[in-house]
């Protein structure tokens, strides 16, 4: 790469640093076509397709005197766009590696715990809004819901001097390929999965209701709670009665989809029972830590994104809303399968993860069409989920809390 090309590019990590500043002095201009932009984009970016006539003038009108960072999928079109803008006297650079490169950027934050000898880290993937967790004590650690980019977890463990002894998936993921199996093999750690989610291999230790994992000299307890509804085998993890890792069962502002597998009505009924059981039996002040965040969440926050269980319960009406009301909200406006099928070519897993939240707390709700990506099976890509999707009810606004 020439010096000129290098000076015209911003790396994904540099972009992360730019966005972390209180006042971002750069305008993010996504130069892809509208349909591509709608499928997946960096929050806060504006879509001005390079292919449209008057591209440079449209950018000039939008950015005033600010500098521009152009974005595309892999960094090719965005480089061409940056060169075009520079010829027109507009300060512009390109995101190297594009959105693919941005997809490899993570940020992490510690979750405050009363036990000073236990470390709980929330690791957020910027492009997808999904989260993994590391629980550590006495030099040992458990990695929960790792993505396929296992280097992130290996680096953290190495830097913190943790030995990865256990790897867990809270459920069979449908929006990305899990890295659990690969990470367990790379570290000789024990892989824990719930067999109710029907994996294509059996080299794991069954993780079922009330299964327990102990860490370190203090035997820090991690207890599995069977929380079905999103999938049959969904598991939540209780960490010393202080934190609850809920996977895709319960989010900070809603619940997981019950319609990605067969019999969505039965799944939704099960999800309702699961949520009500959680809020009545668990400590109302326990910190909920989900595996996904909705669009608009403060993914760059230096603090963990969490909320106490009682706030999530009040927000979503668990205990006050009847099962019938819950089912009507979660399953309403279901789309015919052929309508969903037509969307497959347009929707990426990253775009889909923002559709995983079914927020049921707002009366002024808007609907978004759901679709199903190819399911991941801990390193193996399974067949596409049945295309009988639903339209999800989504509340306006985000109530994510940083602590």
Protein backbone atom coordinates (compact mmCIF):
# COMPACT_ATOMS: atom_id res chain seq x y z
CA UNK A 1 0.00 0.00 0.00
CA UNK A 2 1.37 3.40 -0.96
CA UNK A 3 1.69 6.25 1.54
CA UNK A 4 -1.01 8.12 -0.33
CA UNK A 5 -3.45 5.23 -0.03
CA UNK A 6 -2.59 4.80 3.63
CA UNK A 7 -3.20 8.50 4.36
CA UNK A 8 -6.62 8.21 2.74
CA UNK A 9 -7.73 5.36 4.97
CA UNK A 10 -8.98 5.04 8.53
CA UNK A 11 -8.76 1.63 10.19
CA UNK A 12 -11.76 0.13 12.04
CA UNK A 13 -9.96 0.60 15.36
CA UNK A 14 -9.27 4.24 14.52
CA UNK A 15 -12.96 4.68 13.72
CA UNK A 16 -13.83 3.20 17.10
CA UNK A 17 -11.60 5.82 18.76
CA UNK A 18 -13.24 8.58 16.72
CA UNK A 19 -16.73 7.48 17.74
CA UNK A 20 -15.75 7.24 21.41
CA UNK A 21 -15.08 10.98 21.54
CA UNK A 22 -17.82 13.16 22.98
CA UNK A 23 -17.94 15.26 19.82
CA UNK A 24 -17.43 13.30 16.63
CA UNK A 25 -15.90 15.67 14.07
CA UNK A 26 -16.33 13.27 11.15
CA UNK A 27 -19.45 12.60 9.07
CA UNK A 28 -19.87 8.93 8.15
CA UNK A 29 -21.07 8.66 4.55
CA UNK A 30 -22.13 5.19 3.44
CA UNK A 31 -21.73 5.13 -0.34
CA UNK A 32 -23.49 1.81 -0.98
CA UNK A 33 -26.91 1.44 -2.59
CA UNK A 34 -29.98 2.12 -0.45
CA UNK A 35 -30.96 -1.54 -0.22
CA UNK A 36 -27.49 -2.45 1.06
CA UNK A 37 -27.54 0.39 3.58
CA UNK A 38 -30.92 -0.69 4.93
CA UNK A 39 -29.66 -4.21 5.52
CA UNK A 40 -26.63 -3.23 7.60
CA UNK A 41 -25.00 0.07 8.49
CA UNK A 42 -23.02 1.83 11.16
CA UNK A 43 -25.37 3.74 13.40
CA UNK A 44 -25.19 7.47 12.75
CA UNK A 45 -24.01 7.12 9.16
CA UNK A 46 -25.83 8.78 6.26
CA UNK A 47 -26.50 7.00 2.97
CA UNK A 48 -25.41 8.88 -0.18
CA UNK A 49 -24.84 6.28 -2.93
CA UNK A 50 -21.75 6.81 -5.07
CA UNK A 51 -23.71 5.67 -8.13
CA UNK A 52 -26.13 8.59 -8.00
CA UNK A 53 -25.50 11.66 -10.11
CA UNK A 54 -24.30 14.72 -8.25
CA UNK A 55 -22.69 12.56 -5.57
CA UNK A 56 -20.06 15.09 -4.53
CA UNK A 57 -22.53 17.96 -4.43
CA UNK A 58 -24.97 15.97 -2.28
CA UNK A 59 -22.18 15.18 0.15
CA UNK A 60 -21.10 18.82 0.25
CA UNK A 61 -24.64 19.95 1.06
CA UNK A 62 -24.87 17.44 3.89
CA UNK A 63 -21.49 17.80 5.60
CA UNK A 64 -20.90 21.56 5.39
CA UNK A 65 -17.26 22.03 6.45
CA UNK A 66 -16.80 18.75 8.32
CA UNK A 67 -14.49 15.98 7.13
CA UNK A 68 -15.95 12.82 5.64
CA UNK A 69 -15.30 9.14 6.19
CA UNK A 70 -16.68 7.05 3.35
CA UNK A 71 -17.94 3.53 3.99
CA UNK A 72 -18.82 0.51 1.87
CA UNK A 73 -18.75 -3.27 2.33
CA UNK A 74 -15.05 -3.98 1.75
CA UNK A 75 -13.39 -0.58 1.25
CA UNK A 76 -13.22 -0.48 -2.54
CA UNK A 77 -16.14 1.77 -3.43
CA UNK A 78 -15.46 3.93 -0.40
CA UNK A 79 -11.88 4.55 -1.57
CA UNK A 80 -13.16 5.59 -4.99
CA UNK A 81 -15.71 7.85 -3.29
CA UNK A 82 -13.05 9.45 -1.10
CA UNK A 83 -10.88 10.16 -4.14
CA UNK A 84 -13.87 11.68 -5.93
CA UNK A 85 -14.64 13.95 -2.98
CA UNK A 86 -11.02 15.04 -2.62
CA UNK A 87 -10.93 16.12 -6.25
CA UNK A 88 -13.91 18.33 -5.42
CA UNK A 89 -12.09 19.90 -2.49
CA UNK A 90 -13.84 17.91 0.27
CA UNK A 91 -11.65 16.40 2.98
CA UNK A 92 -12.40 12.69 2.85
CA UNK A 93 -10.95 9.34 3.83
CA UNK A 94 -12.13 5.75 3.47
CA UNK A 95 -12.81 3.07 6.08
CA UNK A 96 -10.26 0.36 5.34
CA UNK A 97 -11.81 -3.08 5.09
CA UNK A 98 -15.27 -1.54 5.06
CA UNK A 99 -18.07 -3.02 7.12
CA UNK A 100 -16.38 -6.41 7.01
CA UNK A 101 -13.43 -4.91 8.89
CA UNK A 102 -15.77 -3.06 11.25
CA UNK A 103 -17.35 -6.42 12.06
CA UNK A 104 -14.13 -7.49 13.77
CA UNK A 105 -14.12 -4.64 16.29
CA UNK A 106 -15.08 -5.36 19.90
CA UNK A 107 -15.31 -3.35 23.08
CA UNK A 108 -15.41 -4.65 26.64
CA UNK A 109 -16.50 -3.42 30.06
CA UNK A 110 -16.39 -4.82 33.58
CA UNK A 111 -19.65 -5.57 35.36
CA UNK A 112 -19.44 -4.35 39.00
CA UNK A 113 -19.79 -7.19 41.51
CA UNK A 114 -19.70 -7.25 45.32
CA UNK A 115 -17.18 -10.08 45.21
CA UNK A 116 -13.90 -8.34 44.41
CA UNK A 117 -12.20 -11.64 43.59
CA UNK A 118 -14.60 -12.40 40.75
CA UNK A 119 -14.32 -10.67 37.38
CA UNK A 120 -17.25 -10.44 34.98
CA UNK A 121 -16.54 -8.86 31.58
CA UNK A 122 -19.11 -7.89 28.96
CA UNK A 123 -17.63 -8.11 25.46
CA UNK A 124 -19.68 -6.35 22.78
CA UNK A 125 -19.28 -6.82 19.03
CA UNK A 126 -19.75 -3.40 17.47
CA UNK A 127 -21.21 -4.41 14.12
CA UNK A 128 -23.77 -6.92 15.34
CA UNK A 129 -24.88 -5.64 18.72
CA UNK A 130 -24.27 -9.05 20.28
CA UNK A 131 -22.49 -9.72 23.55
CA UNK A 132 -20.27 -12.39 25.06
CA UNK A 133 -19.13 -12.69 28.65
CA UNK A 134 -16.07 -13.84 30.57
CA UNK A 135 -16.49 -14.90 34.20
CA UNK A 136 -13.19 -15.34 36.03
CA UNK A 137 -11.98 -16.22 39.50
CA UNK A 138 -8.75 -17.65 40.86
CA UNK A 139 -7.06 -17.58 37.46
CA UNK A 140 -9.76 -19.68 35.76
CA UNK A 141 -12.51 -18.37 33.50
CA UNK A 142 -15.68 -19.31 31.65
CA UNK A 143 -16.43 -17.79 28.24
CA UNK A 144 -20.15 -17.45 27.48
CA UNK A 145 -21.62 -17.09 23.97
CA UNK A 146 -18.34 -16.47 22.11
CA UNK A 147 -18.49 -15.37 18.48
CA UNK A 148 -16.46 -17.08 15.77
CA UNK A 149 -13.68 -14.47 16.21
CA UNK A 150 -12.12 -16.44 19.06
CA UNK A 151 -8.90 -14.39 19.01
CA UNK A 152 -10.71 -11.72 21.02
CA UNK A 153 -11.27 -14.09 23.94
CA UNK A 154 -7.83 -15.64 23.68
CA UNK A 155 -6.24 -12.18 23.82
CA UNK A 156 -8.28 -11.10 26.83
CA UNK A 157 -7.48 -14.32 28.67
CA UNK A 158 -3.79 -13.94 27.87
CA UNK A 159 -3.66 -10.29 28.96
CA UNK A 160 -5.59 -10.93 32.17
CA UNK A 161 -3.71 -14.18 32.88
CA UNK A 162 -6.91 -16.23 32.85
CA UNK A 163 -7.02 -19.88 31.88
CA UNK A 164 -10.11 -20.68 29.81
CA UNK A 165 -11.45 -23.84 31.47
CA UNK A 166 -15.10 -23.77 30.39
CA UNK A 167 -17.00 -22.51 27.32
CA UNK A 168 -20.80 -22.15 27.25
CA UNK A 169 -23.44 -21.31 24.67
CA UNK A 170 -26.70 -20.23 26.28
CA UNK A 171 -28.63 -21.46 23.24
CA UNK A 172 -28.25 -22.50 19.62
CA UNK A 173 -27.55 -19.20 17.90
CA UNK A 174 -29.42 -18.28 14.72
CA UNK A 175 -27.90 -14.90 13.83
CA UNK A 176 -24.21 -15.74 13.75
CA UNK A 177 -21.82 -18.68 13.78
CA UNK A 178 -20.87 -19.52 17.33
CA UNK A 179 -17.23 -19.83 18.29
CA UNK A 180 -17.91 -22.04 21.31
CA UNK A 181 -16.82 -25.35 19.82
CA UNK A 182 -13.73 -23.86 18.17
CA UNK A 183 -12.69 -21.99 21.33
CA UNK A 184 -13.14 -25.07 23.51
CA UNK A 185 -11.01 -27.12 21.12
CA UNK A 186 -8.31 -24.43 20.98
CA UNK A 187 -8.01 -24.22 24.77
CA UNK A 188 -8.85 -27.81 25.81
CA UNK A 189 -11.72 -26.31 27.81
CA UNK A 190 -14.95 -28.15 28.64
CA UNK A 191 -17.76 -27.23 26.26
CA UNK A 192 -21.22 -26.96 27.87
CA UNK A 193 -24.41 -27.04 25.77
CA UNK A 194 -28.02 -27.97 26.33
CA UNK A 195 -28.77 -31.07 24.18
CA UNK A 196 -32.42 -29.98 23.91
CA UNK A 197 -31.24 -27.62 21.13
CA UNK A 198 -30.26 -30.61 18.94
CA UNK A 199 -26.64 -30.04 17.98
CA UNK A 200 -25.01 -31.98 15.16
CA UNK A 201 -22.21 -33.27 17.36
CA UNK A 202 -22.02 -34.70 20.87
CA UNK A 203 -18.56 -33.66 22.09
CA UNK A 204 -19.88 -31.53 24.95
CA UNK A 205 -21.03 -31.77 28.54
CA UNK A 206 -24.81 -31.44 28.89
CA UNK A 207 -25.85 -28.16 30.46
CA UNK A 208 -29.28 -28.59 31.99
CA UNK A 209 -31.46 -26.97 34.63
CA UNK A 210 -29.56 -26.53 37.91
CA UNK A 211 -26.22 -27.61 36.42
CA UNK A 212 -23.41 -25.91 38.32
CA UNK A 213 -19.90 -24.81 37.43
CA UNK A 214 -17.42 -23.74 40.11
CA UNK A 215 -14.44 -21.47 39.52
CA UNK A 216 -11.28 -20.79 41.48
CA UNK A 217 -10.37 -21.38 45.09
CA UNK A 218 -13.55 -19.72 46.33
CA UNK A 219 -15.67 -22.03 44.17
CA UNK A 220 -17.59 -19.15 42.62
CA UNK A 221 -20.89 -20.68 41.57
CA UNK A 222 -22.41 -20.41 38.10
CA UNK A 223 -25.85 -22.02 38.02
CA UNK A 224 -27.75 -22.92 34.85
CA UNK A 225 -31.47 -22.14 34.73
CA UNK A 226 -33.55 -23.65 31.93
CA UNK A 227 -35.38 -20.69 30.34
CA UNK A 228 -37.08 -22.02 27.18
CA UNK A 229 -39.12 -20.02 24.69
CA UNK A 230 -36.60 -18.51 22.30
CA UNK A 231 -35.27 -22.03 21.77
CA UNK A 232 -36.20 -25.25 23.54
CA UNK A 233 -32.82 -25.49 25.18
CA UNK A 234 -32.26 -21.84 26.13
CA UNK A 235 -30.28 -21.51 29.36
CA UNK A 236 -29.70 -18.49 31.59
CA UNK A 237 -26.70 -18.37 33.92
CA UNK A 238 -26.91 -17.13 37.49
CA UNK A 239 -23.59 -15.81 38.78
CA UNK A 240 -23.42 -15.72 42.60
CA UNK A 241 -26.94 -14.26 42.81
CA UNK A 242 -25.55 -10.96 41.48
CA UNK A 243 -25.81 -11.28 37.70
CA UNK A 244 -28.05 -13.17 35.30
CA UNK A 245 -26.76 -13.92 31.80
CA UNK A 246 -30.02 -14.37 29.88
CA UNK A 247 -28.81 -15.19 26.36
CA UNK A 248 -31.63 -14.37 23.94
CA UNK A 249 -34.42 -15.14 26.40
CA UNK A 250 -34.70 -11.68 27.97
CA UNK A 251 -33.23 -8.40 26.76
CA UNK A 252 -32.92 -5.03 28.45
CA UNK A 253 -35.99 -3.82 26.59
CA UNK A 254 -37.87 -6.95 25.60
CA UNK A 255 -37.76 -10.67 24.95
CA UNK A 256 -36.34 -13.00 22.33
CA UNK A 257 -38.22 -14.21 19.28
CA UNK A 258 -40.28 -17.38 19.76
CA UNK A 259 -40.86 -17.90 16.03
CA UNK A 260 -37.52 -19.05 14.62
CA UNK A 261 -38.33 -22.73 15.20
CA UNK A 262 -41.46 -24.84 14.81
CA UNK A 263 -44.67 -24.12 16.73
CA UNK A 264 -44.21 -20.42 17.57
CA UNK A 265 -47.43 -20.30 19.59
CA UNK A 266 -46.25 -23.03 21.95
CA UNK A 267 -42.83 -21.36 22.11
CA UNK A 268 -44.41 -17.99 22.94
CA UNK A 269 -46.49 -19.57 25.72
CA UNK A 270 -43.33 -21.15 27.08
CA UNK A 271 -41.48 -17.83 26.84
CA UNK A 272 -44.25 -16.11 28.80
CA UNK A 273 -44.08 -18.74 31.55
CA UNK A 274 -40.27 -18.46 31.59
CA UNK A 275 -40.29 -14.67 32.02
CA UNK A 276 -42.93 -14.74 34.74
CA UNK A 277 -41.04 -17.46 36.59
CA UNK A 278 -37.80 -15.49 36.40
CA UNK A 279 -39.28 -12.29 37.82
CA UNK A 280 -41.10 -14.05 40.66
CA UNK A 281 -38.31 -16.40 41.77
CA UNK A 282 -35.12 -14.41 41.31
CA UNK A 283 -33.69 -11.45 43.19
CA UNK A 284 -35.43 -8.37 41.70
CA UNK A 285 -32.18 -6.38 41.90
CA UNK A 286 -30.11 -8.89 39.99
CA UNK A 287 -28.27 -7.46 36.98
CA UNK A 288 -29.62 -8.76 33.66
CA UNK A 289 -26.93 -9.26 31.00
CA UNK A 290 -28.33 -10.29 27.60
CA UNK A 291 -26.63 -11.67 24.49
CA UNK A 292 -28.00 -8.93 22.21
CA UNK A 293 -28.75 -5.23 22.31
CA UNK A 294 -31.29 -3.29 20.29
CA UNK A 295 -30.46 -0.66 17.72
CA UNK A 296 -29.52 2.54 19.51
CA UNK A 297 -27.79 0.84 22.43
CA UNK A 298 -24.65 2.60 23.66
CA UNK A 299 -22.25 -0.08 22.44
CA UNK A 300 -19.26 2.23 22.83
CA UNK A 301 -19.99 2.89 26.50
CA UNK A 302 -17.00 2.27 28.78
CA UNK A 303 -19.44 0.77 31.25
CA UNK A 304 -21.43 -2.47 31.13
CA UNK A 305 -24.91 -2.30 29.60
CA UNK A 306 -27.34 -3.83 32.06
CA UNK A 307 -30.52 -3.23 34.04
CA UNK A 308 -32.01 -4.73 37.21
CA UNK A 309 -34.58 -7.48 36.73
CA UNK A 310 -37.38 -5.52 38.42
CA UNK A 311 -37.04 -2.65 35.93
CA UNK A 312 -37.23 -5.01 32.97
CA UNK A 313 -40.26 -6.68 34.53
CA UNK A 314 -42.08 -3.38 35.02
CA UNK A 315 -41.16 -2.17 31.55
CA UNK A 316 -42.55 -5.26 29.86
CA UNK A 317 -45.48 -5.99 32.15
CA UNK A 318 -44.35 -9.40 33.35
CA UNK A 319 -46.83 -10.39 36.05
CA UNK A 320 -49.37 -7.72 35.09
CA UNK A 321 -49.91 -8.69 31.45
CA UNK A 322 -51.95 -11.84 30.78
CA UNK A 323 -50.61 -14.68 28.68
CA UNK A 324 -53.19 -13.86 26.01
CA UNK A 325 -52.02 -10.24 25.80
CA UNK A 326 -48.41 -11.37 25.62
CA UNK A 327 -49.10 -13.81 22.80
CA UNK A 328 -51.10 -11.23 20.84
CA UNK A 329 -48.23 -8.76 21.02
CA UNK A 330 -45.47 -11.23 20.22
CA UNK A 331 -47.22 -13.12 17.43
CA UNK A 332 -49.33 -10.44 15.77
CA UNK A 333 -48.95 -9.44 12.10
CA UNK A 334 -47.33 -12.70 11.03
CA UNK A 335 -46.27 -12.68 7.37
CA UNK A 336 -46.86 -15.39 4.78
CA UNK A 337 -43.79 -17.51 4.14
CA UNK A 338 -43.34 -16.32 0.55
CA UNK A 339 -43.03 -12.72 1.72
CA UNK A 340 -40.30 -13.70 4.14
CA UNK A 341 -38.52 -15.84 1.55
CA UNK A 342 -38.22 -12.87 -0.80
CA UNK A 343 -36.27 -11.01 1.90
CA UNK A 344 -33.50 -13.61 2.27
CA UNK A 345 -31.34 -12.10 -0.46
CA UNK A 346 -31.50 -8.67 1.19
CA UNK A 347 -30.95 -9.45 4.84
CA UNK A 348 -27.59 -10.06 6.47
CA UNK A 349 -27.07 -11.66 9.89
CA UNK A 350 -25.86 -8.33 11.23
CA UNK A 351 -29.07 -6.64 10.12
CA UNK A 352 -31.11 -9.48 11.60
CA UNK A 353 -29.63 -9.26 15.07
CA UNK A 354 -31.35 -5.91 15.52
CA UNK A 355 -34.63 -7.66 14.71
CA UNK A 356 -34.21 -10.18 17.50
CA UNK A 357 -35.63 -7.92 20.16
CA UNK A 358 -39.38 -8.11 20.60
CA UNK A 359 -40.08 -5.07 22.67
CA UNK A 360 -43.60 -5.26 24.00
CA UNK A 361 -43.78 -2.31 26.38
CA UNK A 362 -44.94 0.54 24.15
CA UNK A 363 -48.50 1.29 23.05
CA UNK A 364 -47.12 3.34 20.16
CA UNK A 365 -45.32 0.41 18.60
CA UNK A 366 -44.09 0.08 15.08
CA UNK A 367 -43.61 -3.23 13.30
CA UNK A 368 -40.66 -4.62 11.45
CA UNK A 369 -40.66 -7.67 9.25
CA UNK A 370 -38.77 -10.60 10.66
CA UNK A 371 -36.77 -13.07 8.69
CA UNK A 372 -34.50 -15.97 9.46
CA UNK A 373 -30.82 -16.24 8.61
CA UNK A 374 -28.96 -19.47 8.25
CA UNK A 375 -28.68 -21.01 11.69
CA UNK A 376 -25.32 -21.52 13.28
CA UNK A 377 -24.51 -24.79 14.96
CA UNK A 378 -21.35 -24.05 16.92
CA UNK A 379 -19.08 -23.81 13.93
CA UNK A 380 -21.34 -25.52 11.39
CA UNK A 381 -23.84 -23.67 9.19
CA UNK A 382 -27.14 -25.49 9.38
CA UNK A 383 -30.09 -25.39 7.00
CA UNK A 384 -32.13 -22.18 6.87
CA UNK A 385 -34.85 -21.93 9.46
CA UNK A 386 -38.38 -22.45 8.18
CA UNK A 387 -39.49 -19.29 6.41
CA UNK A 388 -42.80 -18.87 8.23
CA UNK A 389 -41.65 -15.76 10.04
CA UNK A 390 -43.61 -13.18 11.95
CA UNK A 391 -43.74 -9.42 12.14
CA UNK A 392 -42.41 -8.32 15.50
CA UNK A 393 -43.83 -5.56 17.65
CA UNK A 394 -41.09 -3.12 18.56
CA UNK A 395 -41.31 -0.27 21.06
CA UNK A 396 -39.87 3.12 20.25
CA UNK A 397 -36.79 4.25 22.11
CA UNK A 398 -34.10 2.40 23.98
CA UNK A 399 -33.80 2.09 27.72
CA UNK A 400 -30.38 0.52 27.95
CA UNK A 401 -28.54 1.45 31.12
CA UNK A 402 -24.83 1.79 31.72
CA UNK A 403 -23.52 1.04 35.20
